[in-house]
Amino acid sequence: AQQKMDIVTKRLAKGEDFGKLAQELSDDTTAKKNKGDLGFITVFTLPYEFENVIYTTATGKYSKTVASKIGYHIFKNTG
């Protein structure tokens, strides 16, 4: 999982499309269809550590990598 996260991080830094990378590399099966788009995030929708990172990420930017019990996560704030 860490190796895959490193690949994703490097490819995002090169300017590759977040949605395409989510479709291609995410272990979340729903990302194949939704390109990693979680929709509008409201309070108590996701675990606190995710919400905290999402709400502090500037619009149009990527979050830092967040580790959880189920893996690693990167969020993009689209607005």
Protein backbone atom coordinates (compact mmCIF):
# COMPACT_ATOMS: atom_id res chain seq x y z
CA ALA A 1 0.00 0.00 0.00
CA GLN A 2 2.84 2.40 0.83
CA GLN A 3 4.49 1.76 -2.56
CA LYS A 4 1.22 2.46 -4.36
CA MET A 5 0.77 5.68 -2.33
CA ASP A 6 4.25 6.80 -3.33
CA ILE A 7 3.40 6.20 -7.00
CA VAL A 8 0.15 8.15 -6.70
CA THR A 9 1.85 11.05 -4.90
CA LYS A 10 4.56 11.31 -7.55
CA ARG A 11 2.07 11.16 -10.41
CA LEU A 12 -0.14 13.83 -8.82
CA ALA A 13 2.94 16.03 -8.40
CA LYS A 14 3.55 15.67 -12.15
CA GLY A 15 0.06 17.00 -12.79
CA GLU A 16 -1.81 13.81 -13.64
CA ASP A 17 -5.58 13.82 -13.26
CA PHE A 18 -6.84 12.87 -9.80
CA GLY A 19 -9.91 11.05 -11.13
CA LYS A 20 -7.97 8.98 -13.62
CA LEU A 21 -5.47 7.97 -10.96
CA ALA A 22 -8.31 7.03 -8.59
CA GLN A 23 -9.87 4.85 -11.30
CA GLU A 24 -6.58 3.21 -12.14
CA LEU A 25 -4.93 2.74 -8.76
CA SER A 26 -7.49 2.92 -5.95
CA ASP A 27 -8.34 -0.26 -4.08
CA ASP A 28 -11.80 1.21 -3.46
CA THR A 29 -14.01 -0.52 -6.03
CA THR A 30 -16.39 2.46 -6.20
CA ALA A 31 -13.53 4.65 -7.50
CA LYS A 32 -13.65 2.74 -10.77
CA LYS A 33 -17.01 4.41 -11.45
CA ASN A 34 -16.94 7.67 -9.47
CA LYS A 35 -13.25 8.53 -10.07
CA GLY A 36 -12.81 9.03 -6.33
CA ASP A 37 -15.50 11.72 -6.13
CA LEU A 38 -17.09 11.55 -2.67
CA GLY A 39 -19.50 14.37 -3.40
CA PHE A 40 -20.23 17.19 -0.98
CA ILE A 41 -18.86 16.38 2.48
CA THR A 42 -20.93 17.46 5.45
CA VAL A 43 -20.22 17.17 9.16
CA PHE A 44 -20.28 13.59 10.48
CA THR A 45 -20.27 12.10 6.98
CA LEU A 46 -16.76 10.70 7.28
CA PRO A 47 -14.45 9.87 10.19
CA TYR A 48 -13.18 12.99 11.98
CA GLU A 49 -9.57 12.59 10.81
CA PHE A 50 -10.78 12.64 7.18
CA GLU A 51 -13.12 15.59 7.67
CA ASN A 52 -10.40 17.57 9.44
CA VAL A 53 -7.98 17.09 6.53
CA ILE A 54 -10.63 17.80 3.89
CA TYR A 55 -11.84 21.00 5.57
CA THR A 56 -8.29 22.33 5.92
CA THR A 57 -7.28 21.59 2.31
CA ALA A 58 -7.52 24.61 0.02
CA THR A 59 -9.89 24.46 -2.94
CA GLY A 60 -8.22 22.87 -5.95
CA LYS A 61 -5.44 21.35 -3.83
CA TYR A 62 -4.62 17.86 -2.60
CA SER A 63 -4.49 16.88 1.05
CA LYS A 64 -1.54 15.36 2.78
CA THR A 65 -1.60 11.56 2.89
CA VAL A 66 -3.86 10.25 5.64
CA ALA A 67 -3.30 6.78 7.06
CA SER A 68 -6.21 4.82 8.50
CA LYS A 69 -6.96 1.24 9.53
CA ILE A 70 -8.00 0.46 5.96
CA GLY A 71 -5.19 2.13 4.04
CA TYR A 72 -3.87 5.46 2.82
CA HIS A 73 -5.99 8.30 1.50
CA ILE A 74 -5.50 11.51 -0.47
CA PHE A 75 -8.33 13.97 -0.87
CA LYS A 76 -8.76 16.72 -3.45
CA ASN A 77 -10.90 19.69 -2.50
CA THR A 78 -12.84 20.58 -5.64
CA GLY A 79 -14.88 23.33 -4.10
